[in-house]
Amino acid sequence: MIRILVLAGAVLAAGAWAASEPSRFTDKQLEARFSYDLGADSVDVSGYPKAQQENYKVFSEVCSRCHTLARPINSPLASRADWKRFIARMHARTKNMAGADFTKEQAKAVVDFLAYDSGIRKVREKKSFEAETARLKSLFAEVRAERARVNAESDARKAKPYGDQMPAQPRP
């Protein structure tokens, strides 16, 4: 009986220590749904043609309504056909969302920007983009492990000891 109490005390102490251990990740990182959510959320377009700088403004305004800009900026999509298909899917999703819908003209500007930018950063600078993608995937694996740890701690704090779940039985 004493062994069980000592073991239970050690488990509770370890749980209390772990619960007080702060996460090394930000809330934004812990909320990431994809590895590319963890990457850069803006692009320096100062060297891009004026039309693409204007398209970037439309992209920033439209796409940030529903998700971080890091998602499309760091996603593996690169071809105009991929972006066109993806933006059509997003357009269909936003039609029933108040304040999220966008026009066909805006969709065209977004596709134009993403295709142009992908050609520069993902195709022309392929090795650099692939290295960053590998880094983000590794970071995402760490984030997922941390999220699992935080969730397990939260569940453990919410759980009742087994004895508290059983109604007291009257003794005969």
Protein backbone atom coordinates (compact mmCIF):
# COMPACT_ATOMS: atom_id res chain seq x y z
CA MET A 1 0.00 0.00 0.00
CA ILE A 2 2.84 2.37 0.86
CA ARG A 3 4.49 1.67 -2.52
CA ILE A 4 1.29 2.61 -4.31
CA LEU A 5 0.99 5.88 -2.37
CA VAL A 6 4.65 6.75 -3.02
CA LEU A 7 4.27 5.95 -6.72
CA ALA A 8 1.05 7.95 -6.96
CA GLY A 9 2.76 10.88 -5.23
CA ALA A 10 5.67 10.74 -7.67
CA VAL A 11 3.31 10.67 -10.65
CA LEU A 12 1.35 13.64 -9.32
CA ALA A 13 4.55 15.58 -8.61
CA ALA A 14 5.87 14.86 -12.12
CA GLY A 15 2.52 15.96 -13.59
CA ALA A 16 2.59 19.18 -11.57
CA TRP A 17 6.15 19.91 -12.72
CA ALA A 18 5.30 19.21 -16.37
CA ALA A 19 2.13 21.31 -16.15
CA SER A 20 4.17 24.26 -14.93
CA GLU A 21 6.76 23.80 -17.68
CA PRO A 22 6.16 26.58 -20.22
CA SER A 23 6.01 25.77 -23.89
CA ARG A 24 8.92 26.94 -26.02
CA PHE A 25 6.48 27.63 -28.85
CA THR A 26 4.19 30.60 -29.35
CA ASP A 27 0.42 30.22 -29.38
CA LYS A 28 0.52 30.97 -33.11
CA GLN A 29 2.97 28.10 -33.67
CA LEU A 30 0.90 25.72 -31.55
CA GLU A 31 -2.19 26.56 -33.63
CA ALA A 32 -0.47 25.77 -36.97
CA ARG A 33 -2.46 23.33 -39.10
CA PHE A 34 0.28 22.76 -41.69
CA SER A 35 4.06 22.99 -41.68
CA TYR A 36 3.93 25.95 -44.05
CA ASP A 37 1.87 27.92 -41.49
CA LEU A 38 5.14 28.21 -39.54
CA GLY A 39 7.06 30.04 -42.28
CA ALA A 40 7.32 33.66 -43.31
CA ASP A 41 3.98 35.44 -43.53
CA SER A 42 5.04 38.18 -45.94
CA VAL A 43 7.07 38.61 -49.11
CA ASP A 44 9.38 41.50 -49.95
CA VAL A 45 7.86 42.59 -53.24
CA SER A 46 9.86 45.81 -53.58
CA GLY A 47 11.79 44.32 -56.53
CA TYR A 48 8.67 42.95 -58.23
CA PRO A 49 6.96 44.74 -61.14
CA LYS A 50 4.43 47.40 -60.09
CA ALA A 51 1.48 45.22 -61.23
CA GLN A 52 2.65 42.37 -58.99
CA GLN A 53 3.08 44.76 -56.06
CA GLU A 54 -0.57 45.76 -56.51
CA ASN A 55 -1.58 42.09 -56.82
CA TYR A 56 0.31 41.41 -53.57
CA LYS A 57 -1.86 44.00 -51.80
CA VAL A 58 -5.01 42.24 -53.07
CA PHE A 59 -3.56 38.85 -52.07
CA SER A 60 -2.73 40.14 -48.57
CA GLU A 61 -6.17 41.61 -48.05
CA VAL A 62 -8.19 38.71 -49.47
CA CYS A 63 -6.27 35.70 -48.16
CA SER A 64 -5.72 37.00 -44.63
CA ARG A 65 -9.49 37.01 -44.03
CA CYS A 66 -9.46 33.26 -43.41
CA HIS A 67 -5.90 32.15 -42.66
CA THR A 68 -2.36 33.35 -42.16
CA LEU A 69 -0.53 34.49 -45.27
CA ALA A 70 2.23 32.05 -44.37
CA ARG A 71 0.05 29.19 -45.62
CA PRO A 72 0.05 30.13 -49.34
CA ILE A 73 3.47 31.79 -49.23
CA ASN A 74 5.16 28.62 -47.99
CA SER A 75 2.91 25.98 -49.53
CA PRO A 76 4.36 23.60 -52.11
CA LEU A 77 1.98 24.86 -54.83
CA ALA A 78 3.89 26.60 -57.60
CA SER A 79 2.19 26.39 -61.01
CA ARG A 80 -0.47 28.78 -62.27
CA ALA A 81 -2.82 25.80 -62.77
CA ASP A 82 -2.35 24.72 -59.14
CA TRP A 83 -3.02 28.23 -57.86
CA LYS A 84 -6.02 28.72 -60.12
CA ARG A 85 -7.58 25.46 -58.88
CA PHE A 86 -6.77 26.28 -55.25
CA ILE A 87 -8.15 29.83 -55.41
CA ALA A 88 -11.34 28.55 -57.10
CA ARG A 89 -11.76 26.16 -54.16
CA MET A 90 -11.20 28.98 -51.66
CA HIS A 91 -13.67 31.17 -53.56
CA ALA A 92 -16.31 28.45 -53.32
CA ARG A 93 -15.69 28.08 -49.57
CA THR A 94 -15.99 31.80 -48.85
CA LYS A 95 -19.28 32.40 -50.66
CA ASN A 96 -21.25 31.60 -47.50
CA MET A 97 -18.86 33.29 -45.09
CA ALA A 98 -19.74 36.84 -44.13
CA GLY A 99 -16.94 39.22 -45.07
CA ALA A 100 -14.74 36.53 -46.59
CA ASP A 101 -16.04 36.31 -50.16
CA PHE A 102 -14.02 37.89 -52.95
CA THR A 103 -14.65 38.87 -56.56
CA LYS A 104 -13.42 37.18 -59.72
CA GLU A 105 -11.17 40.18 -60.34
CA GLN A 106 -9.62 39.76 -56.91
CA ALA A 107 -9.21 36.03 -57.53
CA LYS A 108 -7.38 36.76 -60.79
CA ALA A 109 -5.05 39.22 -59.03
CA VAL A 110 -4.34 36.64 -56.29
CA VAL A 111 -3.59 33.90 -58.84
CA ASP A 112 -1.38 36.27 -60.85
CA PHE A 113 0.62 37.21 -57.75
CA LEU A 114 0.97 33.66 -56.42
CA ALA A 115 2.02 32.28 -59.82
CA TYR A 116 4.57 35.07 -60.32
CA ASP A 117 5.94 34.83 -56.78
CA SER A 118 6.12 31.02 -56.96
CA GLY A 119 8.12 31.29 -60.18
CA ILE A 120 10.67 33.44 -58.39
CA ARG A 121 10.90 31.93 -54.89
CA LYS A 122 9.86 28.31 -55.47
CA VAL A 123 11.08 27.54 -58.98
CA ARG A 124 14.04 29.83 -59.67
CA GLU A 125 15.29 29.58 -56.06
CA LYS A 126 14.26 25.93 -55.73
CA LYS A 127 17.14 24.75 -53.49
CA SER A 128 16.57 27.53 -51.00
CA PHE A 129 12.81 26.91 -50.98
CA GLU A 130 13.32 23.15 -50.51
CA ALA A 131 15.69 23.78 -47.59
CA GLU A 132 13.15 26.07 -45.93
CA THR A 133 10.40 23.50 -46.54
CA ALA A 134 12.50 20.81 -44.83
CA ARG A 135 13.14 23.14 -41.88
CA LEU A 136 9.42 23.91 -41.54
CA LYS A 137 8.52 20.21 -41.65
CA SER A 138 11.01 19.46 -38.88
CA LEU A 139 9.73 22.37 -36.80
CA PHE A 140 6.14 21.23 -37.37
CA ALA A 141 6.99 17.76 -36.04
CA GLU A 142 8.32 19.41 -32.87
CA VAL A 143 5.24 21.63 -32.62
CA ARG A 144 2.92 18.63 -32.96
CA ALA A 145 4.80 16.79 -30.20
CA GLU A 146 4.56 19.86 -27.96
CA ARG A 147 0.85 20.26 -28.74
CA ALA A 148 0.31 16.61 -27.77
CA ARG A 149 2.20 17.17 -24.51
CA VAL A 150 0.17 20.28 -23.66
CA ASN A 151 -3.10 18.51 -24.50
CA ALA A 152 -2.16 15.48 -22.40
CA GLU A 153 -1.37 17.73 -19.45
CA SER A 154 -4.67 19.52 -19.87
CA ASP A 155 -6.53 16.20 -20.02
CA ALA A 156 -4.69 14.96 -16.93
CA ARG A 157 -5.70 18.07 -14.98
CA LYS A 158 -9.34 17.59 -16.00
CA ALA A 159 -9.44 13.86 -15.22
CA LYS A 160 -10.88 12.71 -11.92
CA PRO A 161 -9.21 9.96 -9.95
CA TYR A 162 -10.90 6.61 -10.48
CA GLY A 163 -12.29 6.51 -6.95
CA ASP A 164 -14.13 9.83 -7.48
CA GLN A 165 -16.05 8.44 -10.44
CA MET A 166 -17.66 5.57 -8.57
CA PRO A 167 -20.61 6.28 -6.32
CA ALA A 168 -20.03 5.30 -2.74
CA GLN A 169 -21.44 1.87 -2.00
CA PRO A 170 -23.11 1.44 1.35
CA ARG A 171 -21.53 -1.27 3.46
CA PRO A 172 -23.83 -4.04 4.60
